[in-house]
């Protein structure tokens, strides 16, 4: 089971920690690296594009680099948004990073 790594600006990171995180979700500060496989404008895009997100992560194949899904801007992430990516991340053969590019 791969974990979901959330890279987020400090304000989003603090809100996530305060809200409590699901098992297997780790929050870290901003970083670089990984193979970007999908990008959405906002966290709601993770829910709207759930099927595409599953397909992209399932078809990524093997490799060394983590798979990165970018959210262009977010103030926070709700349970629905985290669930939309946490489920396929658990099934992925590679680590998955949800990168929040900036706080909204």
PDB file of N, CA and C in Angstrom:
ATOM      1  N   UNK A   1       0.840  -1.175   0.000  1.00  0.00           N
ATOM      2  CA  UNK A   1       0.000   0.000   0.000  1.00  0.00           C
ATOM      3  C   UNK A   1       0.884   1.238   0.000  1.00  0.00           C
ATOM      4  N   UNK A   2       0.785   2.026  -1.028  1.00  0.00           N
ATOM      5  CA  UNK A   2       1.537   3.279  -1.092  1.00  0.00           C
ATOM      6  C   UNK A   2       0.815   4.328  -0.261  1.00  0.00           C
ATOM      7  N   UNK A   3       1.572   5.275   0.239  1.00  0.00           N
ATOM      8  CA  UNK A   3       0.938   6.362   0.971  1.00  0.00           C
ATOM      9  C   UNK A   3       0.743   7.545   0.046  1.00  0.00           C
ATOM     10  N   UNK A   4      -0.122   8.446   0.457  1.00  0.00           N
ATOM     11  CA  UNK A   4      -0.334   9.682  -0.269  1.00  0.00           C
ATOM     12  C   UNK A   4       0.445  10.768   0.455  1.00  0.00           C
ATOM     13  N   UNK A   5       1.322  11.416  -0.270  1.00  0.00           N
ATOM     14  CA  UNK A   5       2.111  12.510   0.289  1.00  0.00           C
ATOM     15  C   UNK A   5       1.500  13.807  -0.223  1.00  0.00           C
ATOM     16  N   UNK A   6       1.153  14.701   0.689  1.00  0.00           N
ATOM     17  CA  UNK A   6       0.578  15.984   0.313  1.00  0.00           C
ATOM     18  C   UNK A   6       1.644  17.047   0.542  1.00  0.00           C
ATOM     19  N   UNK A   7       2.041  17.720  -0.527  1.00  0.00           N
ATOM     20  CA  UNK A   7       2.975  18.851  -0.438  1.00  0.00           C
ATOM     21  C   UNK A   7       2.141  20.108  -0.527  1.00  0.00           C
ATOM     22  N   UNK A   8       2.204  20.933   0.514  1.00  0.00           N
ATOM     23  CA  UNK A   8       1.317  22.089   0.547  1.00  0.00           C
ATOM     24  C   UNK A   8       1.990  23.293   1.177  1.00  0.00           C
ATOM     25  N   UNK A   9       1.556  24.489   0.782  1.00  0.00           N
ATOM     26  CA  UNK A   9       2.027  25.690   1.464  1.00  0.00           C
ATOM     27  C   UNK A   9       1.669  25.609   2.952  1.00  0.00           C
ATOM     28  N   UNK A  10       2.388  26.327   3.765  1.00  0.00           N
ATOM     29  CA  UNK A  10       2.236  26.255   5.225  1.00  0.00           C
ATOM     30  C   UNK A  10       0.785  26.409   5.684  1.00  0.00           C
ATOM     31  N   UNK A  11       0.043  27.373   5.137  1.00  0.00           N
ATOM     32  CA  UNK A  11      -1.325  27.612   5.599  1.00  0.00           C
ATOM     33  C   UNK A  11      -2.218  26.401   5.332  1.00  0.00           C
ATOM     34  N   UNK A  12      -2.071  25.767   4.180  1.00  0.00           N
ATOM     35  CA  UNK A  12      -2.862  24.582   3.852  1.00  0.00           C
ATOM     36  C   UNK A  12      -2.412  23.409   4.714  1.00  0.00           C
ATOM     37  N   UNK A  13      -1.112  23.270   4.904  1.00  0.00           N
ATOM     38  CA  UNK A  13      -0.564  22.202   5.743  1.00  0.00           C
ATOM     39  C   UNK A  13      -1.136  22.299   7.159  1.00  0.00           C
ATOM     40  N   UNK A  14      -1.164  23.475   7.731  1.00  0.00           N
ATOM     41  CA  UNK A  14      -1.675  23.653   9.091  1.00  0.00           C
ATOM     42  C   UNK A  14      -3.155  23.296   9.183  1.00  0.00           C
ATOM     43  N   UNK A  15      -3.928  23.686   8.185  1.00  0.00           N
ATOM     44  CA  UNK A  15      -5.364  23.366   8.189  1.00  0.00           C
ATOM     45  C   UNK A  15      -5.601  21.863   8.068  1.00  0.00           C
ATOM     46  N   UNK A  16      -4.808  21.199   7.241  1.00  0.00           N
ATOM     47  CA  UNK A  16      -4.944  19.746   7.102  1.00  0.00           C
ATOM     48  C   UNK A  16      -4.630  19.034   8.409  1.00  0.00           C
ATOM     49  N   UNK A  17      -3.545  19.423   9.037  1.00  0.00           N
ATOM     50  CA  UNK A  17      -3.168  18.790  10.306  1.00  0.00           C
ATOM     51  C   UNK A  17      -4.229  19.029  11.378  1.00  0.00           C
ATOM     52  N   UNK A  18      -4.775  20.235  11.431  1.00  0.00           N
ATOM     53  CA  UNK A  18      -5.793  20.562  12.427  1.00  0.00           C
ATOM     54  C   UNK A  18      -7.076  19.756  12.210  1.00  0.00           C
ATOM     55  N   UNK A  19      -7.404  19.476  10.954  1.00  0.00           N
ATOM     56  CA  UNK A  19      -8.617  18.732  10.624  1.00  0.00           C
ATOM     57  C   UNK A  19      -8.460  17.241  10.857  1.00  0.00           C
ATOM     58  N   UNK A  20      -7.233  16.756  10.982  1.00  0.00           N
ATOM     59  CA  UNK A  20      -6.981  15.321  11.123  1.00  0.00           C
ATOM     60  C   UNK A  20      -6.837  14.686   9.756  1.00  0.00           C
ATOM     61  N   UNK A  21      -5.889  13.800   9.638  1.00  0.00           N
ATOM     62  CA  UNK A  21      -5.589  13.185   8.350  1.00  0.00           C
ATOM     63  C   UNK A  21      -5.977  11.713   8.344  1.00  0.00           C
ATOM     64  N   UNK A  22      -6.492  11.225   7.221  1.00  0.00           N
ATOM     65  CA  UNK A  22      -6.781   9.804   7.109  1.00  0.00           C
ATOM     66  C   UNK A  22      -5.499   8.977   7.191  1.00  0.00           C
ATOM     67  N   UNK A  23      -5.632   7.748   7.591  1.00  0.00           N
ATOM     68  CA  UNK A  23      -4.504   6.821   7.651  1.00  0.00           C
ATOM     69  C   UNK A  23      -3.823   6.750   6.292  1.00  0.00           C
ATOM     70  N   UNK A  24      -2.501   6.817   6.277  1.00  0.00           N
ATOM     71  CA  UNK A  24      -1.743   6.713   5.042  1.00  0.00           C
ATOM     72  C   UNK A  24      -1.528   8.029   4.327  1.00  0.00           C
ATOM     73  N   UNK A  25      -1.960   9.155   4.926  1.00  0.00           N
ATOM     74  CA  UNK A  25      -1.746  10.464   4.324  1.00  0.00           C
ATOM     75  C   UNK A  25      -0.699  11.202   5.143  1.00  0.00           C
ATOM     76  N   UNK A  26       0.335  11.667   4.481  1.00  0.00           N
ATOM     77  CA  UNK A  26       1.440  12.377   5.129  1.00  0.00           C
ATOM     78  C   UNK A  26       1.516  13.769   4.520  1.00  0.00           C
ATOM     79  N   UNK A  27       1.659  14.791   5.352  1.00  0.00           N
ATOM     80  CA  UNK A  27       1.748  16.165   4.858  1.00  0.00           C
ATOM     81  C   UNK A  27       3.159  16.679   5.070  1.00  0.00           C
ATOM     82  N   UNK A  28       3.715  17.271   4.038  1.00  0.00           N
ATOM     83  CA  UNK A  28       5.048  17.876   4.111  1.00  0.00           C
ATOM     84  C   UNK A  28       4.982  19.254   3.480  1.00  0.00           C
ATOM     85  N   UNK A  29       6.001  20.047   3.706  1.00  0.00           N
ATOM     86  CA  UNK A  29       6.078  21.357   3.074  1.00  0.00           C
ATOM     87  C   UNK A  29       6.390  21.231   1.602  1.00  0.00           C
ATOM     88  N   UNK A  30       6.402  22.353   0.894  1.00  0.00           N
ATOM     89  CA  UNK A  30       6.677  22.331  -0.545  1.00  0.00           C
ATOM     90  C   UNK A  30       8.025  21.695  -0.881  1.00  0.00           C
ATOM     91  N   UNK A  31       8.058  20.964  -1.970  1.00  0.00           N
ATOM     92  CA  UNK A  31       9.280  20.294  -2.438  1.00  0.00           C
ATOM     93  C   UNK A  31       9.194  20.156  -3.954  1.00  0.00           C
ATOM     94  N   UNK A  32      10.256  19.689  -4.543  1.00  0.00           N
ATOM     95  CA  UNK A  32      10.294  19.446  -5.984  1.00  0.00           C
ATOM     96  C   UNK A  32      10.527  17.968  -6.234  1.00  0.00           C
ATOM     97  N   UNK A  33      10.299  17.540  -7.455  1.00  0.00           N
ATOM     98  CA  UNK A  33      10.580  16.168  -7.842  1.00  0.00           C
ATOM     99  C   UNK A  33       9.314  15.425  -8.197  1.00  0.00           C
ATOM    100  N   UNK A  34       9.503  14.271  -8.806  1.00  0.00           N
ATOM    101  CA  UNK A  34       8.400  13.435  -9.199  1.00  0.00           C
ATOM    102  C   UNK A  34       7.990  13.678 -10.646  1.00  0.00           C
ATOM    103  N   UNK A  35       7.136  12.799 -11.135  1.00  0.00           N
ATOM    104  CA  UNK A  35       6.626  12.855 -12.514  1.00  0.00           C
ATOM    105  C   UNK A  35       5.187  13.366 -12.486  1.00  0.00           C
ATOM    106  N   UNK A  36       4.964  14.556 -12.994  1.00  0.00           N
ATOM    107  CA  UNK A  36       3.615  15.129 -13.016  1.00  0.00           C
ATOM    108  C   UNK A  36       2.772  14.356 -14.021  1.00  0.00           C
ATOM    109  N   UNK A  37       1.656  13.793 -13.536  1.00  0.00           N
ATOM    110  CA  UNK A  37       0.789  12.985 -14.396  1.00  0.00           C
ATOM    111  C   UNK A  37      -0.586  13.605 -14.597  1.00  0.00           C
ATOM    112  N   UNK A  38      -0.918  14.624 -13.763  1.00  0.00           N
ATOM    113  CA  UNK A  38      -2.218  15.266 -13.892  1.00  0.00           C
ATOM    114  C   UNK A  38      -2.181  16.590 -13.152  1.00  0.00           C
ATOM    115  N   UNK A  39      -2.994  17.543 -13.632  1.00  0.00           N
ATOM    116  CA  UNK A  39      -3.104  18.847 -12.985  1.00  0.00           C
ATOM    117  C   UNK A  39      -4.558  19.290 -13.011  1.00  0.00           C
ATOM    118  N   UNK A  40      -5.031  19.847 -11.900  1.00  0.00           N
ATOM    119  CA  UNK A  40      -6.381  20.408 -11.817  1.00  0.00           C
ATOM    120  C   UNK A  40      -6.271  21.813 -11.243  1.00  0.00           C
ATOM    121  N   UNK A  41      -7.255  22.639 -11.514  1.00  0.00           N
ATOM    122  CA  UNK A  41      -7.211  24.026 -11.061  1.00  0.00           C
ATOM    123  C   UNK A  41      -7.481  24.174  -9.569  1.00  0.00           C
ATOM    124  N   UNK A  42      -8.376  23.339  -9.028  1.00  0.00           N
ATOM    125  CA  UNK A  42      -8.769  23.459  -7.624  1.00  0.00           C
ATOM    126  C   UNK A  42      -9.013  22.062  -7.055  1.00  0.00           C
ATOM    127  N   UNK A  43      -9.117  21.947  -5.724  1.00  0.00           N
ATOM    128  CA  UNK A  43      -9.364  20.628  -5.124  1.00  0.00           C
ATOM    129  C   UNK A  43     -10.645  19.966  -5.629  1.00  0.00           C
ATOM    130  N   UNK A  44     -11.649  20.767  -5.958  1.00  0.00           N
ATOM    131  CA  UNK A  44     -12.898  20.204  -6.473  1.00  0.00           C
ATOM    132  C   UNK A  44     -12.668  19.421  -7.759  1.00  0.00           C
ATOM    133  N   UNK A  45     -11.638  19.790  -8.515  1.00  0.00           N
ATOM    134  CA  UNK A  45     -11.294  19.068  -9.733  1.00  0.00           C
ATOM    135  C   UNK A  45     -10.920  17.620  -9.472  1.00  0.00           C
ATOM    136  N   UNK A  46     -10.387  17.339  -8.286  1.00  0.00           N
ATOM    137  CA  UNK A  46     -10.048  15.954  -7.938  1.00  0.00           C
ATOM    138  C   UNK A  46     -11.307  15.095  -7.898  1.00  0.00           C
ATOM    139  N   UNK A  47     -12.390  15.658  -7.378  1.00  0.00           N
ATOM    140  CA  UNK A  47     -13.657  14.928  -7.297  1.00  0.00           C
ATOM    141  C   UNK A  47     -14.294  14.831  -8.684  1.00  0.00           C
ATOM    142  N   UNK A  48     -14.326  15.947  -9.405  1.00  0.00           N
ATOM    143  CA  UNK A  48     -14.930  15.949 -10.752  1.00  0.00           C
ATOM    144  C   UNK A  48     -14.198  15.013 -11.705  1.00  0.00           C
ATOM    145  N   UNK A  49     -12.885  14.939 -11.566  1.00  0.00           N
ATOM    146  CA  UNK A  49     -12.055  14.142 -12.469  1.00  0.00           C
ATOM    147  C   UNK A  49     -11.626  12.811 -11.841  1.00  0.00           C
ATOM    148  N   UNK A  50     -12.409  12.330 -10.892  1.00  0.00           N
ATOM    149  CA  UNK A  50     -12.055  11.110 -10.147  1.00  0.00           C
ATOM    150  C   UNK A  50     -11.748   9.928 -11.063  1.00  0.00           C
ATOM    151  N   UNK A  51     -12.580   9.687 -12.059  1.00  0.00           N
ATOM    152  CA  UNK A  51     -12.359   8.548 -12.960  1.00  0.00           C
ATOM    153  C   UNK A  51     -11.045   8.702 -13.723  1.00  0.00           C
ATOM    154  N   UNK A  52     -10.786   9.903 -14.233  1.00  0.00           N
ATOM    155  CA  UNK A  52      -9.539  10.154 -14.958  1.00  0.00           C
ATOM    156  C   UNK A  52      -8.339  10.005 -14.025  1.00  0.00           C
ATOM    157  N   UNK A  53      -8.472  10.470 -12.797  1.00  0.00           N
ATOM    158  CA  UNK A  53      -7.407  10.339 -11.799  1.00  0.00           C
ATOM    159  C   UNK A  53      -7.074   8.871 -11.555  1.00  0.00           C
ATOM    160  N   UNK A  54      -8.088   8.040 -11.410  1.00  0.00           N
ATOM    161  CA  UNK A  54      -7.877   6.598 -11.246  1.00  0.00           C
ATOM    162  C   UNK A  54      -7.146   6.020 -12.449  1.00  0.00           C
ATOM    163  N   UNK A  55      -7.600   6.363 -13.654  1.00  0.00           N
ATOM    164  CA  UNK A  55      -6.970   5.827 -14.876  1.00  0.00           C
ATOM    165  C   UNK A  55      -5.501   6.232 -14.969  1.00  0.00           C
ATOM    166  N   UNK A  56      -5.226   7.506 -14.729  1.00  0.00           N
ATOM    167  CA  UNK A  56      -3.855   8.010 -14.849  1.00  0.00           C
ATOM    168  C   UNK A  56      -2.923   7.300 -13.867  1.00  0.00           C
ATOM    169  N   UNK A  57      -3.343   7.170 -12.631  1.00  0.00           N
ATOM    170  CA  UNK A  57      -2.486   6.529 -11.626  1.00  0.00           C
ATOM    171  C   UNK A  57      -2.360   5.032 -11.875  1.00  0.00           C
ATOM    172  N   UNK A  58      -3.446   4.396 -12.328  1.00  0.00           N
ATOM    173  CA  UNK A  58      -3.399   2.954 -12.600  1.00  0.00           C
ATOM    174  C   UNK A  58      -2.504   2.622 -13.787  1.00  0.00           C
ATOM    175  N   UNK A  59      -2.445   3.508 -14.775  1.00  0.00           N
ATOM    176  CA  UNK A  59      -1.684   3.231 -16.000  1.00  0.00           C
ATOM    177  C   UNK A  59      -0.268   3.789 -15.983  1.00  0.00           C
ATOM    178  N   UNK A  60       0.168   4.337 -14.879  1.00  0.00           N
ATOM    179  CA  UNK A  60       1.477   4.997 -14.829  1.00  0.00           C
ATOM    180  C   UNK A  60       2.643   4.029 -14.962  1.00  0.00           C
ATOM    181  N   UNK A  61       2.417   2.777 -14.697  1.00  0.00           N
ATOM    182  CA  UNK A  61       3.489   1.801 -14.834  1.00  0.00           C
ATOM    183  C   UNK A  61       4.495   1.860 -13.704  1.00  0.00           C
ATOM    184  N   UNK A  62       5.601   1.208 -13.936  1.00  0.00           N
ATOM    185  CA  UNK A  62       6.635   1.157 -12.905  1.00  0.00           C
ATOM    186  C   UNK A  62       7.639   2.274 -13.139  1.00  0.00           C
ATOM    187  N   UNK A  63       8.382   2.557 -12.155  1.00  0.00           N
ATOM    188  CA  UNK A  63       9.395   3.601 -12.245  1.00  0.00           C
ATOM    189  C   UNK A  63       9.877   3.953 -10.856  1.00  0.00           C
ATOM    190  N   UNK A  64      10.876   4.771 -10.801  1.00  0.00           N
ATOM    191  CA  UNK A  64      11.462   5.178  -9.521  1.00  0.00           C
ATOM    192  C   UNK A  64      10.798   6.430  -8.956  1.00  0.00           C
ATOM    193  N   UNK A  65      10.449   7.363  -9.845  1.00  0.00           N
ATOM    194  CA  UNK A  65       9.923   8.645  -9.384  1.00  0.00           C
ATOM    195  C   UNK A  65       8.490   8.521  -8.886  1.00  0.00           C
ATOM    196  N   UNK A  66       8.144   9.315  -7.854  1.00  0.00           N
ATOM    197  CA  UNK A  66       6.741   9.363  -7.431  1.00  0.00           C
ATOM    198  C   UNK A  66       5.886   9.988  -8.521  1.00  0.00           C
ATOM    199  N   UNK A  67       4.596   9.664  -8.523  1.00  0.00           N
ATOM    200  CA  UNK A  67       3.636  10.265  -9.426  1.00  0.00           C
ATOM    201  C   UNK A  67       3.082  11.515  -8.749  1.00  0.00           C
ATOM    202  N   UNK A  68       2.983  12.606  -9.495  1.00  0.00           N
ATOM    203  CA  UNK A  68       2.557  13.876  -8.914  1.00  0.00           C
ATOM    204  C   UNK A  68       1.261  14.343  -9.564  1.00  0.00           C
ATOM    205  N   UNK A  69       0.284  14.674  -8.706  1.00  0.00           N
ATOM    206  CA  UNK A  69      -0.949  15.310  -9.145  1.00  0.00           C
ATOM    207  C   UNK A  69      -0.913  16.717  -8.566  1.00  0.00           C
ATOM    208  N   UNK A  70      -1.021  17.718  -9.440  1.00  0.00           N
ATOM    209  CA  UNK A  70      -0.905  19.115  -9.026  1.00  0.00           C
ATOM    210  C   UNK A  70      -2.287  19.747  -8.920  1.00  0.00           C
ATOM    211  N   UNK A  71      -2.519  20.419  -7.795  1.00  0.00           N
ATOM    212  CA  UNK A  71      -3.679  21.296  -7.641  1.00  0.00           C
ATOM    213  C   UNK A  71      -3.122  22.702  -7.689  1.00  0.00           C
ATOM    214  N   UNK A  72      -3.560  23.480  -8.658  1.00  0.00           N
ATOM    215  CA  UNK A  72      -2.979  24.805  -8.877  1.00  0.00           C
ATOM    216  C   UNK A  72      -3.156  25.737  -7.689  1.00  0.00           C
ATOM    217  N   UNK A  73      -4.332  25.733  -7.035  1.00  0.00           N
ATOM    218  CA  UNK A  73      -4.559  26.626  -5.895  1.00  0.00           C
ATOM    219  C   UNK A  73      -5.582  26.015  -4.951  1.00  0.00           C
ATOM    220  N   UNK A  74      -5.330  26.132  -3.649  1.00  0.00           N
ATOM    221  CA  UNK A  74      -6.255  25.611  -2.651  1.00  0.00           C
ATOM    222  C   UNK A  74      -6.069  26.338  -1.329  1.00  0.00           C
ATOM    223  N   UNK A  75      -7.164  26.558  -0.628  1.00  0.00           N
ATOM    224  CA  UNK A  75      -7.125  27.066   0.743  1.00  0.00           C
ATOM    225  C   UNK A  75      -7.082  25.889   1.709  1.00  0.00           C
ATOM    226  N   UNK A  76      -7.809  24.826   1.345  1.00  0.00           N
ATOM    227  CA  UNK A  76      -7.874  23.632   2.176  1.00  0.00           C
ATOM    228  C   UNK A  76      -8.306  22.456   1.316  1.00  0.00           C
ATOM    229  N   UNK A  77      -8.233  21.267   1.898  1.00  0.00           N
ATOM    230  CA  UNK A  77      -8.696  20.051   1.236  1.00  0.00           C
ATOM    231  C   UNK A  77      -9.713  19.384   2.148  1.00  0.00           C
ATOM    232  N   UNK A  78     -10.889  19.108   1.597  1.00  0.00           N
ATOM    233  CA  UNK A  78     -11.919  18.436   2.376  1.00  0.00           C
ATOM    234  C   UNK A  78     -11.811  16.931   2.244  1.00  0.00           C
ATOM    235  N   UNK A  79     -12.597  16.210   3.025  1.00  0.00           N
ATOM    236  CA  UNK A  79     -12.568  14.740   2.978  1.00  0.00           C
ATOM    237  C   UNK A  79     -12.856  14.172   1.597  1.00  0.00           C
ATOM    238  N   UNK A  80     -13.783  14.786   0.857  1.00  0.00           N
ATOM    239  CA  UNK A  80     -14.112  14.275  -0.479  1.00  0.00           C
ATOM    240  C   UNK A  80     -12.920  14.385  -1.424  1.00  0.00           C
ATOM    241  N   UNK A  81     -12.209  15.518  -1.355  1.00  0.00           N
ATOM    242  CA  UNK A  81     -11.047  15.709  -2.222  1.00  0.00           C
ATOM    243  C   UNK A  81      -9.923  14.739  -1.854  1.00  0.00           C
ATOM    244  N   UNK A  82      -9.677  14.572  -0.560  1.00  0.00           N
ATOM    245  CA  UNK A  82      -8.640  13.624  -0.130  1.00  0.00           C
ATOM    246  C   UNK A  82      -8.997  12.195  -0.506  1.00  0.00           C
ATOM    247  N   UNK A  83     -10.263  11.815  -0.321  1.00  0.00           N
ATOM    248  CA  UNK A  83     -10.693  10.466  -0.687  1.00  0.00           C
ATOM    249  C   UNK A  83     -10.533  10.207  -2.180  1.00  0.00           C
ATOM    250  N   UNK A  84     -10.796  11.234  -2.997  1.00  0.00           N
ATOM    251  CA  UNK A  84     -10.718  11.068  -4.458  1.00  0.00           C
ATOM    252  C   UNK A  84      -9.326  10.655  -4.908  1.00  0.00           C
ATOM    253  N   UNK A  85      -8.295  11.087  -4.186  1.00  0.00           N
ATOM    254  CA  UNK A  85      -6.928  10.726  -4.579  1.00  0.00           C
ATOM    255  C   UNK A  85      -6.319   9.667  -3.664  1.00  0.00           C
ATOM    256  N   UNK A  86      -6.750   9.590  -2.420  1.00  0.00           N
ATOM    257  CA  UNK A  86      -6.159   8.627  -1.494  1.00  0.00           C
ATOM    258  C   UNK A  86      -6.437   7.185  -1.919  1.00  0.00           C
ATOM    259  N   UNK A  87      -7.629   6.927  -2.422  1.00  0.00           N
ATOM    260  CA  UNK A  87      -7.975   5.561  -2.831  1.00  0.00           C
ATOM    261  C   UNK A  87      -7.079   5.055  -3.962  1.00  0.00           C
ATOM    262  N   UNK A  88      -6.948   5.785  -5.082  1.00  0.00           N
ATOM    263  CA  UNK A  88      -6.045   5.281  -6.128  1.00  0.00           C
ATOM    264  C   UNK A  88      -4.574   5.318  -5.700  1.00  0.00           C
ATOM    265  N   UNK A  89      -4.214   6.212  -4.795  1.00  0.00           N
ATOM    266  CA  UNK A  89      -2.827   6.261  -4.305  1.00  0.00           C
ATOM    267  C   UNK A  89      -2.492   4.986  -3.542  1.00  0.00           C
ATOM    268  N   UNK A  90      -3.430   4.463  -2.790  1.00  0.00           N
ATOM    269  CA  UNK A  90      -3.203   3.218  -2.032  1.00  0.00           C
ATOM    270  C   UNK A  90      -2.956   2.037  -2.966  1.00  0.00           C
ATOM    271  N   UNK A  91      -3.587   2.067  -4.134  1.00  0.00           N
ATOM    272  CA  UNK A  91      -3.441   0.964  -5.091  1.00  0.00           C
ATOM    273  C   UNK A  91      -2.234   1.114  -5.997  1.00  0.00           C
ATOM    274  N   UNK A  92      -1.670   2.309  -6.053  1.00  0.00           N
ATOM    275  CA  UNK A  92      -0.563   2.588  -6.963  1.00  0.00           C
ATOM    276  C   UNK A  92       0.692   1.804  -6.591  1.00  0.00           C
ATOM    277  N   UNK A  93       1.438   1.414  -7.623  1.00  0.00           N
ATOM    278  CA  UNK A  93       2.720   0.735  -7.389  1.00  0.00           C
ATOM    279  C   UNK A  93       3.810   1.739  -7.042  1.00  0.00           C
ATOM    280  N   UNK A  94       3.542   3.008  -7.287  1.00  0.00           N
ATOM    281  CA  UNK A  94       4.521   4.063  -7.018  1.00  0.00           C
ATOM    282  C   UNK A  94       3.939   5.039  -5.997  1.00  0.00           C
ATOM    283  N   UNK A  95       4.799   5.701  -5.235  1.00  0.00           N
ATOM    284  CA  UNK A  95       4.288   6.721  -4.318  1.00  0.00           C
ATOM    285  C   UNK A  95       3.564   7.817  -5.100  1.00  0.00           C
ATOM    286  N   UNK A  96       2.560   8.418  -4.470  1.00  0.00           N
ATOM    287  CA  UNK A  96       1.788   9.481  -5.102  1.00  0.00           C
ATOM    288  C   UNK A  96       1.909  10.739  -4.251  1.00  0.00           C
ATOM    289  N   UNK A  97       2.208  11.846  -4.924  1.00  0.00           N
ATOM    290  CA  UNK A  97       2.290  13.149  -4.274  1.00  0.00           C
ATOM    291  C   UNK A  97       1.165  14.028  -4.789  1.00  0.00           C
ATOM    292  N   UNK A  98       0.409  14.598  -3.870  1.00  0.00           N
ATOM    293  CA  UNK A  98      -0.575  15.621  -4.219  1.00  0.00           C
ATOM    294  C   UNK A  98       0.092  16.942  -3.900  1.00  0.00           C
ATOM    295  N   UNK A  99       0.438  17.699  -4.934  1.00  0.00           N
ATOM    296  CA  UNK A  99       1.174  18.942  -4.762  1.00  0.00           C
ATOM    297  C   UNK A  99       0.223  20.130  -4.908  1.00  0.00           C
ATOM    298  N   UNK A 100       0.081  20.910  -3.835  1.00  0.00           N
ATOM    299  CA  UNK A 100      -0.683  22.145  -3.879  1.00  0.00           C
ATOM    300  C   UNK A 100       0.287  23.242  -4.289  1.00  0.00           C
ATOM    301  N   UNK A 101       0.105  23.803  -5.480  1.00  0.00           N
ATOM    302  CA  UNK A 101       1.065  24.768  -6.013  1.00  0.00           C
ATOM    303  C   UNK A 101       1.088  26.051  -5.192  1.00  0.00           C
ATOM    304  N   UNK A 102      -0.087  26.528  -4.782  1.00  0.00           N
ATOM    305  CA  UNK A 102      -0.141  27.753  -3.979  1.00  0.00           C
ATOM    306  C   UNK A 102      -1.465  27.800  -3.224  1.00  0.00           C
ATOM    307  N   UNK A 103      -1.499  28.593  -2.158  1.00  0.00           N
ATOM    308  CA  UNK A 103      -2.764  28.758  -1.440  1.00  0.00           C
ATOM    309  C   UNK A 103      -3.614  29.780  -2.193  1.00  0.00           C
ATOM    310  N   UNK A 104      -4.895  29.536  -2.218  1.00  0.00           N
ATOM    311  CA  UNK A 104      -5.808  30.398  -2.976  1.00  0.00           C
ATOM    312  C   UNK A 104      -6.067  31.704  -2.256  1.00  0.00           C
TER     313      UNK A 104
END
